[in-house]
Each structure stands twice: as C-alpha cells, then as structure tokens.
Amino acid sequence: MHDLLTPQHQPNVPVIAPPGLPGLPPTGTAPANVPGRWRVFTGDWLANGCACHLYTDGYAGELIRRWNGWAVFRTSRTVAAAIVAHRQHTFIQLMAEHAGRGKRMPDAWLATLGEFASVTWLGSLIVVDRRRYSDDETDVEITTADAEGLYTIGWSWSWDDVDAAAVHTIHGTDSI
C-alpha cells in the first residue's frame, strides 16, 4: 500500500502536439453538439496530471448526446475497462489515504464510498454504485453493451470532448 501513497515524479517536459491519431478527426473538426463523431472524452478530474498535457487520460468514443451540458458517449469494452480501472485505482488511492490517517480498512472503505462512487464490473455489466455517496438507496446505474458491443458512458459525470493534443494518454484509438 505504500506505493499508492507515494506521489509519482512528473518530469517537466515541454508540450508537443502529437501527430494526428488514426481514426480521430483532426483537431477542431468535430463540432461540439453533433452526435455520431468519434472524439476524445475526458473530465476535470483528469486535469493537471503532468507538465506536458492538460489532461492525463482521455477515452476515444462516439458522442451520443449531451446531458446537462456534459457529453454522453459510447465506446468499446476495452476503453470502458480502462475507465473502470482508472476509477478503481483512484478509489484505492483515496481509501489508502483514509487508512494512512488511522482509519481501519472497513472504515476507510466506507469513508471512501461516502466521497466517491464505486465502479465495478459484474461479468459484462458495469455497475456504478453511488448509494453511499448520494445518500440515495436507489442510486445505482448498470451499463450493458449495446447490440454493437459498445458501452454508453455518462454516469452523471462531467465528461467533455477535448482536443486530442491536450491529452497525454488516449485509450482506445486502436479500436476505432
């Protein structure tokens, strides 16, 4: 658990725009509210991760619609798995912080659930459990793959489509 608490060294590297990514539209060509275009999606929780890009991670997907101004998109199982894995890693880090401040592990788990939704796989289902976070016993969302095997991602999170050059790691460009 010690490694989870140790901040990783971030090198000070100048920002260099990557070349065009196969399958993604060139920068600035995907209008903000036009569904059906593949883009890179990220959120403010992924900002400020390194000195070379605005966002640490982004996820390739197809815009479906906007919800309260935020993007709802669909993507491959591989990309959905990367989103879930990132969320679980962040959950574990927060839980370790609680444990590091003296909470017993069960209490650290519950404290983390009060601050952060649990996102897990149950077979081919993605379960987003916000019951403790929202104090609403019905606040569970289950995402299944559609007929094309793609997962709809939104989950009431503030996703936005961004310029690919602003993202350090883009998950899913090989599946487009």
C-alpha atoms as a PDB file:
ATOM      1  CA  MET A   1       0.000   0.000   0.000  1.00  0.00           C
ATOM      2  CA  HIS A   2       2.953   2.326   0.495  1.00  0.00           C
ATOM      3  CA  ASP A   3       3.374   2.736  -3.283  1.00  0.00           C
ATOM      4  CA  LEU A   4      -0.174   4.068  -3.560  1.00  0.00           C
ATOM      5  CA  LEU A   5       0.657   6.902  -1.212  1.00  0.00           C
ATOM      6  CA  THR A   6       3.963   7.902  -2.801  1.00  0.00           C
ATOM      7  CA  PRO A   7       3.487  10.668  -5.372  1.00  0.00           C
ATOM      8  CA  GLN A   8       4.971   9.834  -8.739  1.00  0.00           C
ATOM      9  CA  HIS A   9       7.660  12.177 -10.085  1.00  0.00           C
ATOM     10  CA  GLN A  10       6.360  14.177 -13.020  1.00  0.00           C
ATOM     11  CA  PRO A  11       9.108  15.331 -15.410  1.00  0.00           C
ATOM     12  CA  ASN A  12       8.961  18.891 -16.678  1.00  0.00           C
ATOM     13  CA  VAL A  13       8.581  18.250 -20.403  1.00  0.00           C
ATOM     14  CA  PRO A  14       7.558  20.881 -22.960  1.00  0.00           C
ATOM     15  CA  VAL A  15       4.144  20.497 -24.576  1.00  0.00           C
ATOM     16  CA  ILE A  16       4.445  18.987 -28.035  1.00  0.00           C
ATOM     17  CA  ALA A  17       1.297  18.335 -30.022  1.00  0.00           C
ATOM     18  CA  PRO A  18       1.150  14.709 -31.151  1.00  0.00           C
ATOM     19  CA  PRO A  19       0.675  13.883 -34.808  1.00  0.00           C
ATOM     20  CA  GLY A  20      -2.860  13.119 -35.950  1.00  0.00           C
ATOM     21  CA  LEU A  21      -4.234   9.964 -34.403  1.00  0.00           C
ATOM     22  CA  PRO A  22      -5.684   7.335 -36.737  1.00  0.00           C
ATOM     23  CA  GLY A  23      -9.468   7.217 -36.569  1.00  0.00           C
ATOM     24  CA  LEU A  24      -9.904  10.519 -34.750  1.00  0.00           C
ATOM     25  CA  PRO A  25     -10.959  13.671 -36.568  1.00  0.00           C
ATOM     26  CA  PRO A  26      -8.276  16.343 -36.930  1.00  0.00           C
ATOM     27  CA  THR A  27      -8.211  18.966 -34.206  1.00  0.00           C
ATOM     28  CA  GLY A  28     -11.180  21.303 -34.345  1.00  0.00           C
ATOM     29  CA  THR A  29     -13.230  19.327 -36.885  1.00  0.00           C
ATOM     30  CA  ALA A  30     -15.731  17.693 -34.522  1.00  0.00           C
ATOM     31  CA  PRO A  31     -18.473  20.232 -33.748  1.00  0.00           C
ATOM     32  CA  ALA A  32     -19.450  20.191 -30.084  1.00  0.00           C
ATOM     33  CA  ASN A  33     -23.049  19.063 -30.430  1.00  0.00           C
ATOM     34  CA  VAL A  34     -23.019  16.731 -33.422  1.00  0.00           C
ATOM     35  CA  PRO A  35     -23.602  13.108 -32.360  1.00  0.00           C
ATOM     36  CA  GLY A  36     -22.040  10.251 -34.267  1.00  0.00           C
ATOM     37  CA  ARG A  37     -18.471  11.537 -34.443  1.00  0.00           C
ATOM     38  CA  TRP A  38     -15.590   9.758 -32.723  1.00  0.00           C
ATOM     39  CA  ARG A  39     -13.712  12.040 -30.348  1.00  0.00           C
ATOM     40  CA  VAL A  40     -11.635  12.061 -27.192  1.00  0.00           C
ATOM     41  CA  PHE A  41     -13.535  12.413 -23.906  1.00  0.00           C
ATOM     42  CA  THR A  42     -12.129  13.371 -20.533  1.00  0.00           C
ATOM     43  CA  GLY A  43     -13.090  15.268 -17.396  1.00  0.00           C
ATOM     44  CA  ASP A  44     -11.747  17.799 -14.946  1.00  0.00           C
ATOM     45  CA  TRP A  45     -10.776  15.001 -12.522  1.00  0.00           C
ATOM     46  CA  LEU A  46      -8.155  14.010 -15.120  1.00  0.00           C
ATOM     47  CA  ALA A  47      -6.693  17.512 -15.464  1.00  0.00           C
ATOM     48  CA  ASN A  48      -3.309  18.748 -14.266  1.00  0.00           C
ATOM     49  CA  GLY A  49      -1.668  15.356 -14.278  1.00  0.00           C
ATOM     50  CA  CYS A  50       1.580  16.231 -15.995  1.00  0.00           C
ATOM     51  CA  ALA A  51       3.523  19.189 -17.260  1.00  0.00           C
ATOM     52  CA  CYS A  52       3.226  18.204 -20.913  1.00  0.00           C
ATOM     53  CA  HIS A  53      -0.559  17.959 -21.398  1.00  0.00           C
ATOM     54  CA  LEU A  54      -3.675  19.452 -19.858  1.00  0.00           C
ATOM     55  CA  TYR A  55      -5.263  16.014 -19.223  1.00  0.00           C
ATOM     56  CA  THR A  56      -3.596  12.801 -18.098  1.00  0.00           C
ATOM     57  CA  ASP A  57      -6.094  10.460 -19.746  1.00  0.00           C
ATOM     58  CA  GLY A  58      -8.721  10.611 -22.441  1.00  0.00           C
ATOM     59  CA  TYR A  59     -11.002   7.979 -23.897  1.00  0.00           C
ATOM     60  CA  ALA A  60     -11.971   7.516 -27.545  1.00  0.00           C
ATOM     61  CA  GLY A  61     -15.686   7.265 -28.116  1.00  0.00           C
ATOM     62  CA  GLU A  62     -18.670   8.342 -30.155  1.00  0.00           C
ATOM     63  CA  LEU A  63     -20.786  11.246 -28.911  1.00  0.00           C
ATOM     64  CA  ILE A  64     -24.401  10.185 -28.387  1.00  0.00           C
ATOM     65  CA  ARG A  65     -25.901  13.273 -26.778  1.00  0.00           C
ATOM     66  CA  ARG A  66     -25.409  15.964 -24.152  1.00  0.00           C
ATOM     67  CA  TRP A  67     -26.827  15.690 -20.635  1.00  0.00           C
ATOM     68  CA  ASN A  68     -26.886  18.933 -18.632  1.00  0.00           C
ATOM     69  CA  GLY A  69     -24.190  20.186 -20.997  1.00  0.00           C
ATOM     70  CA  TRP A  70     -21.906  17.181 -20.487  1.00  0.00           C
ATOM     71  CA  ALA A  71     -21.087  14.519 -23.052  1.00  0.00           C
ATOM     72  CA  VAL A  72     -22.623  11.056 -23.048  1.00  0.00           C
ATOM     73  CA  PHE A  73     -20.668   8.755 -25.331  1.00  0.00           C
ATOM     74  CA  ARG A  74     -20.359   5.132 -26.305  1.00  0.00           C
ATOM     75  CA  THR A  75     -17.156   3.213 -26.568  1.00  0.00           C
ATOM     76  CA  SER A  76     -15.588  -0.233 -26.785  1.00  0.00           C
ATOM     77  CA  ARG A  77     -15.293  -2.672 -23.912  1.00  0.00           C
ATOM     78  CA  THR A  78     -11.530  -2.085 -23.892  1.00  0.00           C
ATOM     79  CA  VAL A  79     -11.999   1.643 -23.341  1.00  0.00           C
ATOM     80  CA  ALA A  80     -14.770   1.067 -20.796  1.00  0.00           C
ATOM     81  CA  ALA A  81     -12.392  -1.273 -18.954  1.00  0.00           C
ATOM     82  CA  ALA A  82      -9.728   1.474 -18.917  1.00  0.00           C
ATOM     83  CA  ILE A  83     -12.253   3.935 -17.445  1.00  0.00           C
ATOM     84  CA  VAL A  84     -13.315   1.451 -14.760  1.00  0.00           C
ATOM     85  CA  ALA A  85      -9.687   0.566 -13.959  1.00  0.00           C
ATOM     86  CA  HIS A  86      -8.743   4.240 -13.615  1.00  0.00           C
ATOM     87  CA  ARG A  87     -11.705   4.863 -11.332  1.00  0.00           C
ATOM     88  CA  GLN A  88     -10.844   1.819  -9.205  1.00  0.00           C
ATOM     89  CA  HIS A  89      -7.212   2.921  -8.921  1.00  0.00           C
ATOM     90  CA  THR A  90      -8.328   6.367  -7.752  1.00  0.00           C
ATOM     91  CA  PHE A  91     -10.758   4.747  -5.301  1.00  0.00           C
ATOM     92  CA  ILE A  92      -7.953   2.614  -3.845  1.00  0.00           C
ATOM     93  CA  GLN A  93      -5.686   5.663  -3.508  1.00  0.00           C
ATOM     94  CA  LEU A  94      -8.360   7.567  -1.601  1.00  0.00           C
ATOM     95  CA  MET A  95      -9.052   4.550   0.585  1.00  0.00           C
ATOM     96  CA  ALA A  96      -5.317   4.256   1.332  1.00  0.00           C
ATOM     97  CA  GLU A  97      -5.264   7.929   2.341  1.00  0.00           C
ATOM     98  CA  HIS A  98      -8.060   7.273   4.839  1.00  0.00           C
ATOM     99  CA  ALA A  99      -6.210   4.222   6.166  1.00  0.00           C
ATOM    100  CA  GLY A 100      -2.999   6.257   6.381  1.00  0.00           C
ATOM    101  CA  ARG A 101      -4.803   8.715   8.645  1.00  0.00           C
ATOM    102  CA  GLY A 102      -5.551   5.891  11.065  1.00  0.00           C
ATOM    103  CA  LYS A 103      -8.892   4.515   9.897  1.00  0.00           C
ATOM    104  CA  ARG A 104      -9.377   0.769   9.995  1.00  0.00           C
ATOM    105  CA  MET A 105      -9.800  -0.704   6.500  1.00  0.00           C
ATOM    106  CA  PRO A 106     -13.587  -1.225   6.776  1.00  0.00           C
ATOM    107  CA  ASP A 107     -13.955   2.380   7.948  1.00  0.00           C
ATOM    108  CA  ALA A 108     -11.595   3.596   5.210  1.00  0.00           C
ATOM    109  CA  TRP A 109     -13.742   1.730   2.663  1.00  0.00           C
ATOM    110  CA  LEU A 110     -16.957   3.304   3.946  1.00  0.00           C
ATOM    111  CA  ALA A 111     -15.391   6.776   4.116  1.00  0.00           C
ATOM    112  CA  THR A 112     -14.267   6.423   0.506  1.00  0.00           C
ATOM    113  CA  LEU A 113     -17.733   5.293  -0.580  1.00  0.00           C
ATOM    114  CA  GLY A 114     -19.074   8.466   1.026  1.00  0.00           C
ATOM    115  CA  GLU A 115     -16.813  10.574  -1.207  1.00  0.00           C
ATOM    116  CA  PHE A 116     -16.615   8.535  -4.366  1.00  0.00           C
ATOM    117  CA  ALA A 117     -18.909   6.240  -6.353  1.00  0.00           C
ATOM    118  CA  SER A 118     -17.869   2.612  -6.647  1.00  0.00           C
ATOM    119  CA  VAL A 119     -17.465   1.473 -10.260  1.00  0.00           C
ATOM    120  CA  THR A 120     -17.010  -2.243 -10.868  1.00  0.00           C
ATOM    121  CA  TRP A 121     -17.544  -4.997 -13.401  1.00  0.00           C
ATOM    122  CA  LEU A 122     -20.093  -7.720 -12.775  1.00  0.00           C
ATOM    123  CA  GLY A 123     -19.488 -10.064 -15.683  1.00  0.00           C
ATOM    124  CA  SER A 124     -20.157  -7.917 -18.749  1.00  0.00           C
ATOM    125  CA  LEU A 125     -22.056  -5.277 -16.745  1.00  0.00           C
ATOM    126  CA  ILE A 126     -20.592  -2.048 -15.400  1.00  0.00           C
ATOM    127  CA  VAL A 127     -22.082  -1.181 -12.013  1.00  0.00           C
ATOM    128  CA  VAL A 128     -21.854   2.430 -10.825  1.00  0.00           C
ATOM    129  CA  ASP A 129     -22.929   2.466  -7.190  1.00  0.00           C
ATOM    130  CA  ARG A 130     -23.448   5.953  -5.771  1.00  0.00           C
ATOM    131  CA  ARG A 131     -25.780   4.952  -2.920  1.00  0.00           C
ATOM    132  CA  ARG A 132     -23.492   5.985  -0.082  1.00  0.00           C
ATOM    133  CA  TYR A 133     -22.078   8.972  -1.966  1.00  0.00           C
ATOM    134  CA  SER A 134     -25.512  10.415  -2.763  1.00  0.00           C
ATOM    135  CA  ASP A 135     -27.325   9.084   0.321  1.00  0.00           C
ATOM    136  CA  ASP A 136     -29.951   7.607  -2.026  1.00  0.00           C
ATOM    137  CA  GLU A 137     -30.523   3.853  -1.739  1.00  0.00           C
ATOM    138  CA  THR A 138     -31.677   3.687  -5.376  1.00  0.00           C
ATOM    139  CA  ASP A 139     -28.672   5.463  -6.905  1.00  0.00           C
ATOM    140  CA  VAL A 140     -27.155   2.532  -8.791  1.00  0.00           C
ATOM    141  CA  GLU A 141     -26.608   2.552 -12.539  1.00  0.00           C
ATOM    142  CA  ILE A 142     -25.946  -0.599 -14.539  1.00  0.00           C
ATOM    143  CA  THR A 143     -24.486  -0.295 -18.018  1.00  0.00           C
ATOM    144  CA  THR A 144     -24.714  -3.097 -20.562  1.00  0.00           C
ATOM    145  CA  ALA A 145     -23.201  -3.331 -24.006  1.00  0.00           C
ATOM    146  CA  ASP A 146     -25.488  -2.411 -26.893  1.00  0.00           C
ATOM    147  CA  ALA A 147     -26.085  -4.588 -29.970  1.00  0.00           C
ATOM    148  CA  GLU A 148     -22.719  -3.464 -31.393  1.00  0.00           C
ATOM    149  CA  GLY A 149     -20.880  -4.347 -28.175  1.00  0.00           C
ATOM    150  CA  LEU A 150     -20.353  -0.697 -27.187  1.00  0.00           C
ATOM    151  CA  TYR A 151     -20.927   0.730 -23.708  1.00  0.00           C
ATOM    152  CA  THR A 152     -22.655   4.043 -23.036  1.00  0.00           C
ATOM    153  CA  ILE A 153     -20.599   6.185 -20.683  1.00  0.00           C
ATOM    154  CA  GLY A 154     -22.020   9.154 -18.842  1.00  0.00           C
ATOM    155  CA  TRP A 155     -22.930   8.088 -15.319  1.00  0.00           C
ATOM    156  CA  SER A 156     -23.769  11.688 -14.341  1.00  0.00           C
ATOM    157  CA  TRP A 157     -20.085  12.594 -14.576  1.00  0.00           C
ATOM    158  CA  SER A 158     -18.911  15.802 -16.225  1.00  0.00           C
ATOM    159  CA  TRP A 159     -17.412  14.335 -19.409  1.00  0.00           C
ATOM    160  CA  ASP A 160     -16.399  16.647 -22.210  1.00  0.00           C
ATOM    161  CA  ASP A 161     -14.892  16.132 -25.632  1.00  0.00           C
ATOM    162  CA  VAL A 162     -11.481  17.730 -25.967  1.00  0.00           C
ATOM    163  CA  ASP A 163      -8.693  18.255 -28.454  1.00  0.00           C
ATOM    164  CA  ALA A 164      -6.595  15.074 -28.664  1.00  0.00           C
ATOM    165  CA  ALA A 165      -3.415  17.178 -28.416  1.00  0.00           C
ATOM    166  CA  ALA A 166      -4.415  18.175 -24.862  1.00  0.00           C
ATOM    167  CA  VAL A 167      -4.374  14.568 -23.626  1.00  0.00           C
ATOM    168  CA  HIS A 168      -1.293  12.644 -22.503  1.00  0.00           C
ATOM    169  CA  THR A 169      -2.717   9.117 -22.915  1.00  0.00           C
ATOM    170  CA  ILE A 170      -5.674   8.340 -25.163  1.00  0.00           C
ATOM    171  CA  HIS A 171      -7.277   4.961 -24.572  1.00  0.00           C
ATOM    172  CA  GLY A 172      -8.964   3.247 -27.488  1.00  0.00           C
ATOM    173  CA  THR A 173      -7.527   4.776 -30.626  1.00  0.00           C
ATOM    174  CA  ASP A 174      -6.794   1.265 -31.894  1.00  0.00           C
ATOM    175  CA  SER A 175     -10.445   0.235 -31.579  1.00  0.00           C
ATOM    176  CA  ILE A 176     -11.865   2.993 -33.783  1.00  0.00           C
END
